[in-house]
Amino acid sequence: MSHFYRLNTINPNRRPLQRIDFYCPSGKTGNYPPNYYWDMQDVPLDPPWPHCQMFRAPLIPEGYETVWVFEVGPHAKLPDIWSDGYVILVSEPAKRVLEACDDFGHQFHETEIQNKQHKRINQTPYYLFHVRRYLKIEDNFSEIENRFEMFAPNYYELKYLPTLQKNPLLKEKVAQLPFWRHYMNDGIVYLSAKVLAKLQEAGLTGLKPYSDHYFGKAGEALARFE
């Protein structure tokens, strides 16, 4: 049975490692400008996939480069991969593996991770991993099968994830994509089982699966969809 994974590190409400803020050194605030979303490019699928379109997002606009601020406990250690969906921060070793897994043109922008006192805490390079592959999957309002054995879906996932389960051919194709986001739900990122295996083979940290199979616990990051 084809399957893939949702990557979302559960952010704890206390230390040892909690993201609390971010800022653009350029002084810009807020989201990307509206034309960022208008400028997504259609990626033709030949032959077409049923109920699905693919797009390539632009690169991060100039001036929107970010610094990430964490509350850090005395024994905390940055994992190789940390993501709350919108944000994916990766180490240099993780970057090398991810680049080798996908040639879609995703962007890795070197960034800085700071503590509350705005002192740099990453002693080695870290990158913001900008996933540029977006899918637009038609809605299907039936129930997600095995919903309570996987993870708590958000509002948009309740619409498009059943489409995948009702269309095995589409689900198989989507499960082979190394990384993707949904066009209307860019706060979630998905990765393939093949990519996960490569990351695990490299011994990278930050890839704990959900232990309760629904909400996950602090520091856990992976939920399986099938």
Protein backbone atom coordinates (compact mmCIF):
# COMPACT_ATOMS: atom_id res chain seq x y z
CA MET A 1 0.00 0.00 0.00
CA SER A 2 1.44 3.39 -0.99
CA HIS A 3 2.07 5.89 1.77
CA PHE A 4 3.91 9.11 2.59
CA TYR A 5 4.66 11.22 5.66
CA ARG A 6 3.69 14.58 7.10
CA LEU A 7 6.60 16.48 8.68
CA ASN A 8 5.63 18.71 11.60
CA THR A 9 7.76 18.98 14.74
CA ILE A 10 5.49 19.37 17.77
CA ASN A 11 6.57 22.64 19.37
CA PRO A 12 6.68 22.24 23.18
CA ASN A 13 5.15 24.79 25.51
CA ARG A 14 8.35 24.93 27.48
CA ARG A 15 12.06 24.34 27.06
CA PRO A 16 14.40 22.66 26.11
CA LEU A 17 13.79 23.87 22.54
CA GLN A 18 10.84 26.05 21.57
CA ARG A 19 10.52 28.39 18.59
CA ILE A 20 9.17 31.71 19.78
CA ASP A 21 9.81 34.31 17.07
CA PHE A 22 11.45 35.26 13.79
CA TYR A 23 12.43 38.45 12.01
CA CYS A 24 13.84 39.70 8.72
CA PRO A 25 17.19 41.49 9.13
CA SER A 26 16.07 43.72 6.23
CA GLY A 27 13.29 45.11 8.43
CA LYS A 28 10.46 43.72 6.29
CA THR A 29 7.47 42.35 8.19
CA GLY A 30 4.49 40.16 7.43
CA ASN A 31 3.97 37.58 4.71
CA TYR A 32 5.47 37.50 1.25
CA PRO A 33 4.01 40.08 -1.18
CA PRO A 34 0.79 39.01 -2.98
CA ASN A 35 2.52 38.55 -6.33
CA TYR A 36 4.57 35.72 -4.79
CA TYR A 37 1.47 33.50 -4.85
CA TRP A 38 0.29 34.81 -8.21
CA ASP A 39 3.61 33.91 -9.83
CA MET A 40 3.43 30.17 -9.23
CA GLN A 41 4.24 28.32 -12.46
CA ASP A 42 2.14 25.47 -13.79
CA VAL A 43 4.16 22.24 -14.11
CA PRO A 44 2.63 20.10 -16.90
CA LEU A 45 2.02 16.46 -15.99
CA ASP A 46 2.25 14.11 -18.97
CA PRO A 47 0.01 12.21 -18.92
CA PRO A 48 -2.20 14.34 -16.65
CA TRP A 49 -2.86 13.11 -13.13
CA PRO A 50 -6.51 12.67 -12.15
CA HIS A 51 -7.89 15.37 -9.84
CA CYS A 52 -4.47 17.03 -9.43
CA GLN A 53 -2.30 19.87 -10.77
CA MET A 54 1.33 20.69 -9.93
CA PHE A 55 2.94 24.12 -9.51
CA ARG A 56 6.41 25.52 -8.83
CA ALA A 57 6.58 28.37 -6.32
CA PRO A 58 8.97 31.31 -6.82
CA LEU A 59 12.19 31.68 -4.88
CA ILE A 60 12.09 33.57 -1.57
CA PRO A 61 11.72 37.28 -2.43
CA GLU A 62 14.75 39.47 -1.81
CA GLY A 63 14.65 41.06 1.64
CA TYR A 64 12.50 38.29 3.17
CA GLU A 65 15.44 36.26 4.45
CA THR A 66 14.80 35.36 8.09
CA VAL A 67 16.45 34.74 11.46
CA TRP A 68 14.74 32.28 13.84
CA VAL A 69 14.53 32.78 17.59
CA PHE A 70 14.23 29.83 20.01
CA GLU A 71 13.95 29.43 23.74
CA VAL A 72 16.77 27.04 24.51
CA GLY A 73 17.29 24.97 27.65
CA PRO A 74 20.71 24.19 29.15
CA HIS A 75 20.98 20.74 27.56
CA ALA A 76 19.16 21.42 24.31
CA LYS A 77 20.69 20.46 20.98
CA LEU A 78 19.44 21.55 17.60
CA PRO A 79 18.20 18.58 15.56
CA ASP A 80 19.30 18.16 11.97
CA ILE A 81 15.71 18.77 10.86
CA TRP A 82 13.17 20.98 12.61
CA SER A 83 9.85 21.93 11.06
CA ASP A 84 6.54 23.38 12.17
CA GLY A 85 5.15 23.01 8.66
CA TYR A 86 5.66 26.56 7.42
CA VAL A 87 9.31 26.52 8.48
CA ILE A 88 11.85 23.78 7.80
CA LEU A 89 15.30 24.33 9.28
CA VAL A 90 18.00 21.84 8.30
CA SER A 91 21.67 21.28 9.06
CA GLU A 92 24.40 21.01 6.45
CA PRO A 93 24.36 17.16 6.53
CA ALA A 94 20.57 17.18 6.12
CA LYS A 95 20.83 19.66 3.25
CA ARG A 96 23.19 17.35 1.36
CA VAL A 97 20.80 14.41 1.65
CA LEU A 98 17.74 16.47 0.72
CA GLU A 99 19.42 17.99 -2.34
CA ALA A 100 20.35 14.52 -3.58
CA CYS A 101 16.74 13.32 -3.22
CA ASP A 102 14.98 15.87 -5.43
CA ASP A 103 15.92 17.90 -8.51
CA PHE A 104 12.81 20.12 -8.52
CA GLY A 105 14.77 23.27 -7.69
CA HIS A 106 13.90 23.67 -4.03
CA GLN A 107 15.75 26.50 -2.28
CA PHE A 108 18.12 26.31 0.67
CA HIS A 109 18.77 29.71 2.20
CA GLU A 110 21.44 29.88 4.89
CA THR A 111 19.98 31.31 8.08
CA GLU A 112 20.82 31.98 11.70
CA ILE A 113 19.20 30.53 14.80
CA GLN A 114 19.29 32.67 17.92
CA ASN A 115 18.25 32.50 21.56
CA LYS A 116 15.99 35.03 23.30
CA GLN A 117 18.98 37.30 23.85
CA HIS A 118 19.52 37.27 20.08
CA LYS A 119 22.80 35.41 20.34
CA ARG A 120 23.56 32.87 17.62
CA ILE A 121 23.21 29.29 18.83
CA ASN A 122 23.98 27.31 15.66
CA GLN A 123 27.73 26.71 15.58
CA THR A 124 27.50 25.08 12.14
CA PRO A 125 25.51 26.23 9.08
CA TYR A 126 21.73 25.86 9.08
CA TYR A 127 19.37 26.50 6.20
CA LEU A 128 15.75 27.41 5.62
CA PHE A 129 14.47 24.65 3.32
CA HIS A 130 12.01 26.29 0.92
CA VAL A 131 9.86 23.55 -0.67
CA ARG A 132 8.72 24.82 -4.06
CA ARG A 133 6.54 21.92 -5.28
CA TYR A 134 2.85 22.57 -4.72
CA LEU A 135 -0.10 20.34 -5.59
CA LYS A 136 -3.70 21.40 -6.11
CA ILE A 137 -5.83 18.34 -5.34
CA GLU A 138 -9.58 18.42 -5.83
CA ASP A 139 -11.68 18.27 -2.68
CA ASN A 140 -13.55 15.14 -1.65
CA PHE A 141 -15.67 15.53 1.45
CA SER A 142 -15.84 11.86 2.43
CA GLU A 143 -14.23 10.66 5.66
CA ILE A 144 -10.50 9.94 5.86
CA GLU A 145 -10.02 6.22 6.33
CA ASN A 146 -8.09 5.19 9.47
CA ARG A 147 -8.10 8.85 10.47
CA PHE A 148 -7.55 8.24 14.16
CA GLU A 149 -4.67 5.88 13.50
CA MET A 150 -2.56 8.49 11.67
CA PHE A 151 -2.70 12.15 12.78
CA ALA A 152 -5.11 14.98 13.46
CA PRO A 153 -5.84 16.52 10.03
CA ASN A 154 -6.40 20.23 9.69
CA TYR A 155 -9.37 21.84 7.92
CA TYR A 156 -7.90 21.60 4.43
CA GLU A 157 -6.55 18.08 4.84
CA LEU A 158 -10.08 16.90 5.60
CA LYS A 159 -10.96 18.02 2.06
CA TYR A 160 -8.14 16.73 -0.13
CA LEU A 161 -6.65 13.72 1.66
CA PRO A 162 -9.82 11.62 1.05
CA THR A 163 -9.33 12.31 -2.67
CA LEU A 164 -6.03 10.45 -2.51
CA GLN A 165 -7.55 7.50 -0.71
CA LYS A 166 -10.42 7.29 -3.22
CA ASN A 167 -8.01 7.38 -6.18
CA PRO A 168 -5.23 4.79 -5.72
CA LEU A 169 -3.46 5.76 -8.97
CA LEU A 170 -3.16 9.37 -7.87
CA LYS A 171 -2.13 8.35 -4.37
CA GLU A 172 0.65 6.17 -5.78
CA LYS A 173 2.00 9.04 -7.89
CA VAL A 174 1.83 11.53 -5.01
CA ALA A 175 3.55 9.06 -2.67
CA GLN A 176 6.55 9.01 -5.02
CA LEU A 177 7.10 12.78 -4.82
CA PRO A 178 10.10 13.55 -2.59
CA PHE A 179 8.55 16.73 -1.10
CA TRP A 180 5.38 18.73 -1.64
CA ARG A 181 2.88 21.14 -0.14
CA HIS A 182 -0.77 21.71 -0.97
CA TYR A 183 -1.75 24.84 -2.87
CA MET A 184 -4.27 25.93 -0.21
CA ASN A 185 -2.45 24.48 2.80
CA ASP A 186 1.17 25.61 2.68
CA GLY A 187 1.61 25.24 6.43
CA ILE A 188 2.06 21.48 5.95
CA VAL A 189 4.88 19.67 4.15
CA TYR A 190 4.91 16.03 3.05
CA LEU A 191 7.78 13.72 2.12
CA SER A 192 8.06 10.28 0.59
CA ALA A 193 9.00 7.05 2.32
CA LYS A 194 12.09 6.88 0.10
CA VAL A 195 13.32 10.28 1.28
CA LEU A 196 12.66 9.38 4.90
CA ALA A 197 14.69 6.19 4.50
CA LYS A 198 17.62 8.21 3.09
CA LEU A 199 17.47 10.66 6.01
CA GLN A 200 17.36 7.82 8.53
CA GLU A 201 20.23 6.00 6.83
CA ALA A 202 22.32 9.15 7.26
CA GLY A 203 21.62 9.11 11.02
CA LEU A 204 19.99 12.54 11.02
CA THR A 205 18.10 13.72 14.09
CA GLY A 206 14.65 15.34 14.37
CA LEU A 207 12.67 12.50 12.79
CA LYS A 208 10.79 10.94 15.70
CA PRO A 209 7.42 9.45 14.69
CA TYR A 210 4.23 10.35 16.54
CA SER A 211 3.90 8.00 19.49
CA ASP A 212 0.14 8.37 20.03
CA HIS A 213 -0.71 8.28 16.28
CA TYR A 214 -2.88 11.39 16.42
CA PHE A 215 -1.65 14.58 18.06
CA GLY A 216 1.96 13.62 18.68
CA LYS A 217 4.08 14.73 21.63
CA ALA A 218 6.68 17.48 22.07
CA GLY A 219 9.68 16.94 19.84
CA GLU A 220 8.00 14.29 17.66
CA ALA A 221 7.83 15.11 13.96
CA LEU A 222 6.53 12.40 11.63
CA ALA A 223 3.05 11.05 10.92
CA ARG A 224 2.29 8.45 8.25
CA PHE A 225 -0.54 8.78 5.74
CA GLU A 226 -1.82 5.80 3.79
